[in-house]
Amino acid sequence: MDPDYIKLKEIKPVLGNYLRESQILLNRSPVPDDEVIHDIRVYMKKARAVLKLIAPQLDREYIHIDIAELREIGRKMCLWRETSVMRKTLKQLKKEFPDLFSRLSDDEKITSILTRPESVAEPADSISTDVELINSLLRKTGFRIRFLSTNRLDPNLLLRELEQTYARVTNTYLICRNNPRPDKIHDFRKSAKDFLYQLYFFRPLNPSSIKSLENKLDKLTRSLGRFNDLTQLVTALDYVYSPDRNLPVTDELVIRIREKQDRYLSEIWPLAYKIFCPGKKLVNILGFKLLVI
């Protein structure tokens, strides 16, 4: 006979681990490589999602300080990673359309992106200063979390907060589905990631169903991320369509980029509809259980 209660995954040890692992990765070398930057940014997103989940039951002032500082870490590292991502995206396009790029060989913006070094394109002193600041923010946040009392968290309130996150994602989905502007799609991606990272702690409710949902959300957010990478590339190329403003070959490149974005959207919308269909309830996915921690 199935038990009438289930225990959620403990939150504080996981949250602390996100910060410890980030510090370990950051201190591997004086200049973080692309993989380290990516992994730390993911940890920061996961940590912020967790803090949002527990914030209503704890001291909101301190939680919001932690969220703000972790967001600052992500922003600094985002600046380090943007150029690398654009370069990789452009190189992939070059592989797919070699003839097109042979006609773009004199384009200064494209040449500039493709020929930048693989290392972080910032002065060493600037990177060192930022690494020191990030380490400081991680230590301060880790210290505050060490004294965070999570023993009295009400699991039913946690579930209610997860439902609120789910409702916010559904709202952003409907907004960008009705008006698929890149900024709206990016908002959808960010809120969907919050839901994905919070969902992890509820996995014991129904392991097979929730893992399946996590896999779908991971696929969804990856496609949304690739769509956003292409948007950032078009922005970096300073492209705005206007008759006689661009060379025909540049217009052709952007059309190819838009075609790839259309394919990503064709993957995104059916999957998003299955998860965030208007009127769908989270309890239909998780099932009904009495929760304890």
C-alpha atoms as a PDB file:
ATOM      1  CA  MET A   1       0.000   0.000   0.000  1.00  0.00           C
ATOM      2  CA  ASP A   2       1.358   3.435  -0.930  1.00  0.00           C
ATOM      3  CA  PRO A   3       2.200   5.776   1.977  1.00  0.00           C
ATOM      4  CA  ASP A   4      -0.152   8.729   2.447  1.00  0.00           C
ATOM      5  CA  TYR A   5       2.744  11.154   2.648  1.00  0.00           C
ATOM      6  CA  ILE A   6       5.942  11.896   0.790  1.00  0.00           C
ATOM      7  CA  LYS A   7       9.108  13.747   1.765  1.00  0.00           C
ATOM      8  CA  LEU A   8      10.386  16.493  -0.515  1.00  0.00           C
ATOM      9  CA  LYS A   9      14.054  16.829  -1.370  1.00  0.00           C
ATOM     10  CA  GLU A  10      15.903  18.921   1.212  1.00  0.00           C
ATOM     11  CA  ILE A  11      16.470  22.437  -0.044  1.00  0.00           C
ATOM     12  CA  LYS A  12      19.257  23.970   2.051  1.00  0.00           C
ATOM     13  CA  PRO A  13      21.989  21.359   1.291  1.00  0.00           C
ATOM     14  CA  VAL A  14      21.295  21.612  -2.442  1.00  0.00           C
ATOM     15  CA  LEU A  15      21.332  25.410  -2.346  1.00  0.00           C
ATOM     16  CA  GLY A  16      24.615  25.445  -0.433  1.00  0.00           C
ATOM     17  CA  ASN A  17      26.118  22.999  -2.909  1.00  0.00           C
ATOM     18  CA  TYR A  18      25.283  25.292  -5.841  1.00  0.00           C
ATOM     19  CA  LEU A  19      27.393  28.027  -4.239  1.00  0.00           C
ATOM     20  CA  ARG A  20      30.283  25.760  -3.178  1.00  0.00           C
ATOM     21  CA  GLU A  21      30.561  24.174  -6.605  1.00  0.00           C
ATOM     22  CA  SER A  22      30.527  27.624  -8.190  1.00  0.00           C
ATOM     23  CA  GLN A  23      33.468  28.745  -6.043  1.00  0.00           C
ATOM     24  CA  ILE A  24      35.418  25.577  -6.832  1.00  0.00           C
ATOM     25  CA  LEU A  25      34.885  26.092 -10.554  1.00  0.00           C
ATOM     26  CA  LEU A  26      35.714  29.794 -10.383  1.00  0.00           C
ATOM     27  CA  ASN A  27      39.035  29.183  -8.625  1.00  0.00           C
ATOM     28  CA  ARG A  28      40.295  26.497 -10.990  1.00  0.00           C
ATOM     29  CA  SER A  29      42.209  29.056 -13.038  1.00  0.00           C
ATOM     30  CA  PRO A  30      42.799  32.840 -13.120  1.00  0.00           C
ATOM     31  CA  VAL A  31      40.639  33.160 -16.259  1.00  0.00           C
ATOM     32  CA  PRO A  32      37.446  31.058 -16.340  1.00  0.00           C
ATOM     33  CA  ASP A  33      36.906  29.246 -19.629  1.00  0.00           C
ATOM     34  CA  ASP A  34      33.599  29.034 -21.500  1.00  0.00           C
ATOM     35  CA  GLU A  35      32.530  25.786 -19.833  1.00  0.00           C
ATOM     36  CA  VAL A  36      33.177  27.117 -16.321  1.00  0.00           C
ATOM     37  CA  ILE A  37      31.325  30.352 -17.095  1.00  0.00           C
ATOM     38  CA  HIS A  38      28.351  28.382 -18.425  1.00  0.00           C
ATOM     39  CA  ASP A  39      28.235  26.009 -15.436  1.00  0.00           C
ATOM     40  CA  ILE A  40      28.451  28.806 -12.860  1.00  0.00           C
ATOM     41  CA  ARG A  41      25.714  30.784 -14.599  1.00  0.00           C
ATOM     42  CA  VAL A  42      23.486  27.692 -14.469  1.00  0.00           C
ATOM     43  CA  TYR A  43      24.195  27.309 -10.740  1.00  0.00           C
ATOM     44  CA  MET A  44      23.269  30.957 -10.207  1.00  0.00           C
ATOM     45  CA  LYS A  45      19.973  30.491 -12.056  1.00  0.00           C
ATOM     46  CA  LYS A  46      19.203  27.375 -10.022  1.00  0.00           C
ATOM     47  CA  ALA A  47      20.045  29.131  -6.750  1.00  0.00           C
ATOM     48  CA  ARG A  48      17.844  32.128  -7.578  1.00  0.00           C
ATOM     49  CA  ALA A  49      14.955  29.823  -8.506  1.00  0.00           C
ATOM     50  CA  VAL A  50      15.280  28.046  -5.143  1.00  0.00           C
ATOM     51  CA  LEU A  51      15.382  31.322  -3.213  1.00  0.00           C
ATOM     52  CA  LYS A  52      12.228  32.479  -5.004  1.00  0.00           C
ATOM     53  CA  LEU A  53      10.550  29.228  -3.977  1.00  0.00           C
ATOM     54  CA  ILE A  54      11.281  29.630  -0.255  1.00  0.00           C
ATOM     55  CA  ALA A  55      11.175  33.456  -0.028  1.00  0.00           C
ATOM     56  CA  PRO A  56       7.503  33.755   1.068  1.00  0.00           C
ATOM     57  CA  GLN A  57       8.224  31.679   4.200  1.00  0.00           C
ATOM     58  CA  LEU A  58      11.487  33.388   5.232  1.00  0.00           C
ATOM     59  CA  ASP A  59      12.944  36.869   5.694  1.00  0.00           C
ATOM     60  CA  ARG A  60      12.176  38.380   2.307  1.00  0.00           C
ATOM     61  CA  GLU A  61      14.633  41.251   2.771  1.00  0.00           C
ATOM     62  CA  TYR A  62      17.670  38.988   3.070  1.00  0.00           C
ATOM     63  CA  ILE A  63      16.400  36.584   0.414  1.00  0.00           C
ATOM     64  CA  HIS A  64      16.005  39.461  -2.031  1.00  0.00           C
ATOM     65  CA  ILE A  65      19.564  40.606  -1.247  1.00  0.00           C
ATOM     66  CA  ASP A  66      20.818  37.118  -2.068  1.00  0.00           C
ATOM     67  CA  ILE A  67      18.801  36.982  -5.281  1.00  0.00           C
ATOM     68  CA  ALA A  68      20.124  40.393  -6.354  1.00  0.00           C
ATOM     69  CA  GLU A  69      23.746  39.430  -5.668  1.00  0.00           C
ATOM     70  CA  LEU A  70      23.436  36.104  -7.487  1.00  0.00           C
ATOM     71  CA  ARG A  71      21.862  37.942 -10.424  1.00  0.00           C
ATOM     72  CA  GLU A  72      24.819  40.347 -10.445  1.00  0.00           C
ATOM     73  CA  ILE A  73      27.182  37.367 -10.715  1.00  0.00           C
ATOM     74  CA  GLY A  74      25.198  36.039 -13.648  1.00  0.00           C
ATOM     75  CA  ARG A  75      25.228  39.405 -15.403  1.00  0.00           C
ATOM     76  CA  LYS A  76      28.980  39.829 -15.084  1.00  0.00           C
ATOM     77  CA  MET A  77      29.637  36.352 -16.420  1.00  0.00           C
ATOM     78  CA  CYS A  78      27.080  36.847 -19.183  1.00  0.00           C
ATOM     79  CA  LEU A  79      29.229  39.655 -20.578  1.00  0.00           C
ATOM     80  CA  TRP A  80      32.180  37.232 -20.672  1.00  0.00           C
ATOM     81  CA  ARG A  81      30.210  34.559 -22.500  1.00  0.00           C
ATOM     82  CA  GLU A  82      28.231  36.542 -25.080  1.00  0.00           C
ATOM     83  CA  THR A  83      31.068  36.928 -27.583  1.00  0.00           C
ATOM     84  CA  SER A  84      31.971  33.239 -27.384  1.00  0.00           C
ATOM     85  CA  VAL A  85      28.376  32.152 -27.971  1.00  0.00           C
ATOM     86  CA  MET A  86      28.000  34.483 -30.958  1.00  0.00           C
ATOM     87  CA  ARG A  87      31.245  33.201 -32.444  1.00  0.00           C
ATOM     88  CA  LYS A  88      30.170  29.563 -32.097  1.00  0.00           C
ATOM     89  CA  THR A  89      26.750  30.342 -33.561  1.00  0.00           C
ATOM     90  CA  LEU A  90      28.301  32.134 -36.516  1.00  0.00           C
ATOM     91  CA  LYS A  91      30.806  29.315 -37.105  1.00  0.00           C
ATOM     92  CA  GLN A  92      27.958  26.811 -37.205  1.00  0.00           C
ATOM     93  CA  LEU A  93      26.161  28.937 -39.778  1.00  0.00           C
ATOM     94  CA  LYS A  94      29.366  29.129 -41.807  1.00  0.00           C
ATOM     95  CA  LYS A  95      29.532  25.326 -41.865  1.00  0.00           C
ATOM     96  CA  GLU A  96      25.945  25.109 -43.040  1.00  0.00           C
ATOM     97  CA  PHE A  97      26.217  27.827 -45.691  1.00  0.00           C
ATOM     98  CA  PRO A  98      29.830  27.973 -46.935  1.00  0.00           C
ATOM     99  CA  ASP A  99      28.915  29.568 -50.278  1.00  0.00           C
ATOM    100  CA  LEU A 100      27.018  32.326 -48.525  1.00  0.00           C
ATOM    101  CA  PHE A 101      29.920  33.076 -46.204  1.00  0.00           C
ATOM    102  CA  SER A 102      32.398  33.126 -49.075  1.00  0.00           C
ATOM    103  CA  ARG A 103      30.430  36.127 -50.343  1.00  0.00           C
ATOM    104  CA  LEU A 104      30.544  37.672 -46.866  1.00  0.00           C
ATOM    105  CA  SER A 105      34.322  37.475 -46.546  1.00  0.00           C
ATOM    106  CA  ASP A 106      34.651  41.267 -46.642  1.00  0.00           C
ATOM    107  CA  ASP A 107      32.003  41.932 -44.016  1.00  0.00           C
ATOM    108  CA  GLU A 108      33.856  43.627 -41.154  1.00  0.00           C
ATOM    109  CA  LYS A 109      31.364  42.733 -38.398  1.00  0.00           C
ATOM    110  CA  ILE A 110      31.316  39.060 -39.322  1.00  0.00           C
ATOM    111  CA  THR A 111      35.097  38.937 -39.649  1.00  0.00           C
ATOM    112  CA  SER A 112      35.474  40.634 -36.269  1.00  0.00           C
ATOM    113  CA  ILE A 113      33.261  38.079 -34.506  1.00  0.00           C
ATOM    114  CA  LEU A 114      34.852  35.075 -36.215  1.00  0.00           C
ATOM    115  CA  THR A 115      38.462  36.100 -35.590  1.00  0.00           C
ATOM    116  CA  ARG A 116      38.236  37.020 -31.906  1.00  0.00           C
ATOM    117  CA  PRO A 117      40.341  34.774 -29.650  1.00  0.00           C
ATOM    118  CA  GLU A 118      38.659  31.907 -27.837  1.00  0.00           C
ATOM    119  CA  SER A 119      39.630  33.293 -24.437  1.00  0.00           C
ATOM    120  CA  VAL A 120      37.570  35.910 -22.664  1.00  0.00           C
ATOM    121  CA  ALA A 121      38.030  39.147 -24.549  1.00  0.00           C
ATOM    122  CA  GLU A 122      38.769  41.421 -21.596  1.00  0.00           C
ATOM    123  CA  PRO A 123      41.973  42.745 -20.023  1.00  0.00           C
ATOM    124  CA  ALA A 124      43.473  40.385 -17.441  1.00  0.00           C
ATOM    125  CA  ASP A 125      43.259  43.015 -14.677  1.00  0.00           C
ATOM    126  CA  SER A 126      39.543  43.510 -15.344  1.00  0.00           C
ATOM    127  CA  ILE A 127      38.871  39.765 -15.207  1.00  0.00           C
ATOM    128  CA  SER A 128      40.869  39.418 -11.992  1.00  0.00           C
ATOM    129  CA  THR A 129      38.852  42.216 -10.373  1.00  0.00           C
ATOM    130  CA  ASP A 130      35.559  40.659 -11.456  1.00  0.00           C
ATOM    131  CA  VAL A 131      36.611  37.180 -10.263  1.00  0.00           C
ATOM    132  CA  GLU A 132      37.492  38.645  -6.871  1.00  0.00           C
ATOM    133  CA  LEU A 133      34.118  40.399  -6.697  1.00  0.00           C
ATOM    134  CA  ILE A 134      32.240  37.248  -7.693  1.00  0.00           C
ATOM    135  CA  ASN A 135      34.117  35.221  -5.075  1.00  0.00           C
ATOM    136  CA  SER A 136      33.181  37.823  -2.475  1.00  0.00           C
ATOM    137  CA  LEU A 137      29.500  37.706  -3.441  1.00  0.00           C
ATOM    138  CA  LEU A 138      29.519  33.896  -3.337  1.00  0.00           C
ATOM    139  CA  ARG A 139      31.124  33.886   0.132  1.00  0.00           C
ATOM    140  CA  LYS A 140      28.662  36.432   1.532  1.00  0.00           C
ATOM    141  CA  THR A 141      25.650  34.631   0.110  1.00  0.00           C
ATOM    142  CA  GLY A 142      26.982  31.265   1.281  1.00  0.00           C
ATOM    143  CA  PHE A 143      27.494  32.644   4.783  1.00  0.00           C
ATOM    144  CA  ARG A 144      23.936  33.970   4.991  1.00  0.00           C
ATOM    145  CA  ILE A 145      22.503  30.709   3.656  1.00  0.00           C
ATOM    146  CA  ARG A 146      24.507  28.722   6.219  1.00  0.00           C
ATOM    147  CA  PHE A 147      22.404  30.352   8.940  1.00  0.00           C
ATOM    148  CA  LEU A 148      19.171  30.084   6.981  1.00  0.00           C
ATOM    149  CA  SER A 149      16.581  28.093   8.933  1.00  0.00           C
ATOM    150  CA  THR A 150      14.599  25.851   6.606  1.00  0.00           C
ATOM    151  CA  ASN A 151      13.413  23.348   9.202  1.00  0.00           C
ATOM    152  CA  ARG A 152       9.953  24.866   9.459  1.00  0.00           C
ATOM    153  CA  LEU A 153       9.214  25.265   5.783  1.00  0.00           C
ATOM    154  CA  ASP A 154       5.629  24.259   5.118  1.00  0.00           C
ATOM    155  CA  PRO A 155       5.665  21.798   2.169  1.00  0.00           C
ATOM    156  CA  ASN A 156       2.130  22.732   1.223  1.00  0.00           C
ATOM    157  CA  LEU A 157       3.165  26.382   0.948  1.00  0.00           C
ATOM    158  CA  LEU A 158       6.126  25.302  -1.183  1.00  0.00           C
ATOM    159  CA  LEU A 159       3.733  23.477  -3.466  1.00  0.00           C
ATOM    160  CA  ARG A 160       1.530  26.572  -3.596  1.00  0.00           C
ATOM    161  CA  GLU A 161       4.561  28.667  -4.595  1.00  0.00           C
ATOM    162  CA  LEU A 162       5.416  26.132  -7.310  1.00  0.00           C
ATOM    163  CA  GLU A 163       1.856  26.527  -8.574  1.00  0.00           C
ATOM    164  CA  GLN A 164       2.398  30.294  -8.666  1.00  0.00           C
ATOM    165  CA  THR A 165       5.570  29.795 -10.691  1.00  0.00           C
ATOM    166  CA  TYR A 166       3.673  27.499 -13.051  1.00  0.00           C
ATOM    167  CA  ALA A 167       0.974  30.144 -13.445  1.00  0.00           C
ATOM    168  CA  ARG A 168       3.602  32.802 -14.243  1.00  0.00           C
ATOM    169  CA  VAL A 169       5.173  30.591 -16.898  1.00  0.00           C
ATOM    170  CA  THR A 170       1.761  29.933 -18.433  1.00  0.00           C
ATOM    171  CA  ASN A 171       1.160  33.674 -18.548  1.00  0.00           C
ATOM    172  CA  THR A 172       4.502  34.414 -20.239  1.00  0.00           C
ATOM    173  CA  TYR A 173       3.832  31.561 -22.678  1.00  0.00           C
ATOM    174  CA  LEU A 174       0.492  33.055 -23.668  1.00  0.00           C
ATOM    175  CA  ILE A 175       2.014  36.525 -24.001  1.00  0.00           C
ATOM    176  CA  CYS A 176       4.794  35.433 -26.336  1.00  0.00           C
ATOM    177  CA  ARG A 177       2.569  32.970 -28.205  1.00  0.00           C
ATOM    178  CA  ASN A 178       0.212  35.811 -29.079  1.00  0.00           C
ATOM    179  CA  ASN A 179       3.037  38.288 -29.682  1.00  0.00           C
ATOM    180  CA  PRO A 180       6.214  36.309 -30.456  1.00  0.00           C
ATOM    181  CA  ARG A 181       8.696  39.136 -30.074  1.00  0.00           C
ATOM    182  CA  PRO A 182      12.235  38.012 -29.144  1.00  0.00           C
ATOM    183  CA  ASP A 183      12.117  39.809 -25.776  1.00  0.00           C
ATOM    184  CA  LYS A 184       8.835  38.085 -24.883  1.00  0.00           C
ATOM    185  CA  ILE A 185      10.243  34.710 -25.915  1.00  0.00           C
ATOM    186  CA  HIS A 186      13.297  35.401 -23.745  1.00  0.00           C
ATOM    187  CA  ASP A 187      10.998  36.143 -20.769  1.00  0.00           C
ATOM    188  CA  PHE A 188       9.258  32.824 -21.404  1.00  0.00           C
ATOM    189  CA  ARG A 189      12.593  31.028 -21.340  1.00  0.00           C
ATOM    190  CA  LYS A 190      13.640  32.633 -18.031  1.00  0.00           C
ATOM    191  CA  SER A 191      10.368  31.817 -16.282  1.00  0.00           C
ATOM    192  CA  ALA A 192      10.361  28.256 -17.668  1.00  0.00           C
ATOM    193  CA  LYS A 193      13.847  27.732 -16.231  1.00  0.00           C
ATOM    194  CA  ASP A 194      12.645  28.893 -12.798  1.00  0.00           C
ATOM    195  CA  PHE A 195       9.875  26.308 -12.970  1.00  0.00           C
ATOM    196  CA  LEU A 196      12.293  23.578 -14.126  1.00  0.00           C
ATOM    197  CA  TYR A 197      14.775  24.241 -11.322  1.00  0.00           C
ATOM    198  CA  GLN A 198      12.079  24.455  -8.635  1.00  0.00           C
ATOM    199  CA  LEU A 199      10.392  21.295  -9.866  1.00  0.00           C
ATOM    200  CA  TYR A 200      13.474  19.259  -8.952  1.00  0.00           C
ATOM    201  CA  PHE A 201      12.621  19.418  -5.234  1.00  0.00           C
ATOM    202  CA  PHE A 202       9.182  17.931  -5.847  1.00  0.00           C
ATOM    203  CA  ARG A 203      10.484  14.935  -7.773  1.00  0.00           C
ATOM    204  CA  PRO A 204       9.651  12.454  -4.946  1.00  0.00           C
ATOM    205  CA  LEU A 205       5.927  13.201  -5.448  1.00  0.00           C
ATOM    206  CA  ASN A 206       5.875  11.227  -8.669  1.00  0.00           C
ATOM    207  CA  PRO A 207       9.431  10.461  -9.851  1.00  0.00           C
ATOM    208  CA  SER A 208       8.695   9.069 -13.311  1.00  0.00           C
ATOM    209  CA  SER A 209       6.155  11.726 -14.280  1.00  0.00           C
ATOM    210  CA  ILE A 210       8.183  14.637 -12.916  1.00  0.00           C
ATOM    211  CA  LYS A 211      11.432  13.432 -14.500  1.00  0.00           C
ATOM    212  CA  SER A 212       9.582  13.179 -17.799  1.00  0.00           C
ATOM    213  CA  LEU A 213       8.304  16.723 -17.337  1.00  0.00           C
ATOM    214  CA  GLU A 214      11.815  17.923 -16.467  1.00  0.00           C
ATOM    215  CA  ASN A 215      13.158  16.370 -19.674  1.00  0.00           C
ATOM    216  CA  LYS A 216      10.496  18.150 -21.729  1.00  0.00           C
ATOM    217  CA  LEU A 217      11.220  21.455 -19.999  1.00  0.00           C
ATOM    218  CA  ASP A 218      14.951  21.000 -20.566  1.00  0.00           C
ATOM    219  CA  LYS A 219      14.340  20.403 -24.280  1.00  0.00           C
ATOM    220  CA  LEU A 220      12.019  23.403 -24.406  1.00  0.00           C
ATOM    221  CA  THR A 221      14.426  25.811 -22.693  1.00  0.00           C
ATOM    222  CA  ARG A 222      17.349  24.621 -24.841  1.00  0.00           C
ATOM    223  CA  SER A 223      15.416  25.411 -28.014  1.00  0.00           C
ATOM    224  CA  LEU A 224      14.418  28.777 -26.545  1.00  0.00           C
ATOM    225  CA  GLY A 225      18.080  29.403 -25.752  1.00  0.00           C
ATOM    226  CA  ARG A 226      19.162  28.650 -29.313  1.00  0.00           C
ATOM    227  CA  PHE A 227      16.464  30.976 -30.615  1.00  0.00           C
ATOM    228  CA  ASN A 228      17.827  33.696 -28.314  1.00  0.00           C
ATOM    229  CA  ASP A 229      21.431  33.061 -29.420  1.00  0.00           C
ATOM    230  CA  LEU A 230      20.402  33.758 -33.016  1.00  0.00           C
ATOM    231  CA  THR A 231      18.562  36.908 -31.940  1.00  0.00           C
ATOM    232  CA  GLN A 232      21.701  38.150 -30.175  1.00  0.00           C
ATOM    233  CA  LEU A 233      23.750  37.456 -33.299  1.00  0.00           C
ATOM    234  CA  VAL A 234      21.431  39.528 -35.500  1.00  0.00           C
ATOM    235  CA  THR A 235      21.679  42.333 -32.938  1.00  0.00           C
ATOM    236  CA  ALA A 236      25.490  42.117 -32.920  1.00  0.00           C
ATOM    237  CA  LEU A 237      25.498  42.416 -36.694  1.00  0.00           C
ATOM    238  CA  ASP A 238      23.567  45.670 -36.263  1.00  0.00           C
ATOM    239  CA  TYR A 239      21.047  44.425 -38.807  1.00  0.00           C
ATOM    240  CA  VAL A 240      17.840  46.299 -39.473  1.00  0.00           C
ATOM    241  CA  TYR A 241      16.092  45.695 -42.763  1.00  0.00           C
ATOM    242  CA  SER A 242      15.572  48.717 -44.964  1.00  0.00           C
ATOM    243  CA  PRO A 243      15.700  48.985 -48.762  1.00  0.00           C
ATOM    244  CA  ASP A 244      19.212  49.934 -49.899  1.00  0.00           C
ATOM    245  CA  ARG A 245      20.579  49.780 -46.319  1.00  0.00           C
ATOM    246  CA  ASN A 246      22.230  46.345 -46.575  1.00  0.00           C
ATOM    247  CA  LEU A 247      23.954  44.276 -49.191  1.00  0.00           C
ATOM    248  CA  PRO A 248      21.710  41.522 -50.632  1.00  0.00           C
ATOM    249  CA  VAL A 249      24.050  38.877 -49.234  1.00  0.00           C
ATOM    250  CA  THR A 250      23.582  40.278 -45.717  1.00  0.00           C
ATOM    251  CA  ASP A 251      19.816  40.156 -46.143  1.00  0.00           C
ATOM    252  CA  GLU A 252      20.197  36.547 -47.292  1.00  0.00           C
ATOM    253  CA  LEU A 253      22.215  35.641 -44.192  1.00  0.00           C
ATOM    254  CA  VAL A 254      19.553  37.057 -41.898  1.00  0.00           C
ATOM    255  CA  ILE A 255      16.852  35.181 -43.817  1.00  0.00           C
ATOM    256  CA  ARG A 256      18.798  31.963 -43.152  1.00  0.00           C
ATOM    257  CA  ILE A 257      18.964  32.896 -39.477  1.00  0.00           C
ATOM    258  CA  ARG A 258      15.214  33.581 -39.409  1.00  0.00           C
ATOM    259  CA  GLU A 259      14.594  30.194 -41.022  1.00  0.00           C
ATOM    260  CA  LYS A 260      16.528  28.496 -38.228  1.00  0.00           C
ATOM    261  CA  GLN A 261      14.563  30.480 -35.659  1.00  0.00           C
ATOM    262  CA  ASP A 262      11.326  29.387 -37.337  1.00  0.00           C
ATOM    263  CA  ARG A 263      12.411  25.755 -37.007  1.00  0.00           C
ATOM    264  CA  TYR A 264      13.150  26.228 -33.317  1.00  0.00           C
ATOM    265  CA  LEU A 265       9.730  27.816 -32.831  1.00  0.00           C
ATOM    266  CA  SER A 266       8.122  24.882 -34.631  1.00  0.00           C
ATOM    267  CA  GLU A 267       9.667  22.647 -31.943  1.00  0.00           C
ATOM    268  CA  ILE A 268       8.864  25.013 -29.082  1.00  0.00           C
ATOM    269  CA  TRP A 269       5.164  25.765 -29.570  1.00  0.00           C
ATOM    270  CA  PRO A 270       3.712  22.214 -29.630  1.00  0.00           C
ATOM    271  CA  LEU A 271       5.784  21.214 -26.593  1.00  0.00           C
ATOM    272  CA  ALA A 272       4.908  24.400 -24.697  1.00  0.00           C
ATOM    273  CA  TYR A 273       1.217  23.859 -25.443  1.00  0.00           C
ATOM    274  CA  LYS A 274       1.306  20.376 -23.904  1.00  0.00           C
ATOM    275  CA  ILE A 275       2.834  21.695 -20.680  1.00  0.00           C
ATOM    276  CA  PHE A 276       1.275  25.149 -20.346  1.00  0.00           C
ATOM    277  CA  CYS A 277      -2.063  24.769 -22.102  1.00  0.00           C
ATOM    278  CA  PRO A 278      -4.546  27.345 -20.719  1.00  0.00           C
ATOM    279  CA  GLY A 279      -6.683  25.744 -18.027  1.00  0.00           C
ATOM    280  CA  LYS A 280      -4.159  23.003 -17.255  1.00  0.00           C
ATOM    281  CA  LYS A 281      -3.575  22.469 -13.527  1.00  0.00           C
ATOM    282  CA  LEU A 282      -0.229  21.626 -11.956  1.00  0.00           C
ATOM    283  CA  VAL A 283      -1.843  19.050  -9.675  1.00  0.00           C
ATOM    284  CA  ASN A 284      -2.771  17.067 -12.780  1.00  0.00           C
ATOM    285  CA  ILE A 285       0.957  16.619 -13.359  1.00  0.00           C
ATOM    286  CA  LEU A 286       2.111  16.086  -9.762  1.00  0.00           C
ATOM    287  CA  GLY A 287      -0.826  14.123  -8.360  1.00  0.00           C
ATOM    288  CA  PHE A 288      -2.318  14.525  -4.895  1.00  0.00           C
ATOM    289  CA  LYS A 289      -0.180  13.666  -1.881  1.00  0.00           C
ATOM    290  CA  LEU A 290       0.133  14.810   1.726  1.00  0.00           C
ATOM    291  CA  LEU A 291       3.561  16.427   1.987  1.00  0.00           C
ATOM    292  CA  VAL A 292       6.026  16.427   4.859  1.00  0.00           C
ATOM    293  CA  ILE A 293       9.638  17.564   5.176  1.00  0.00           C
END
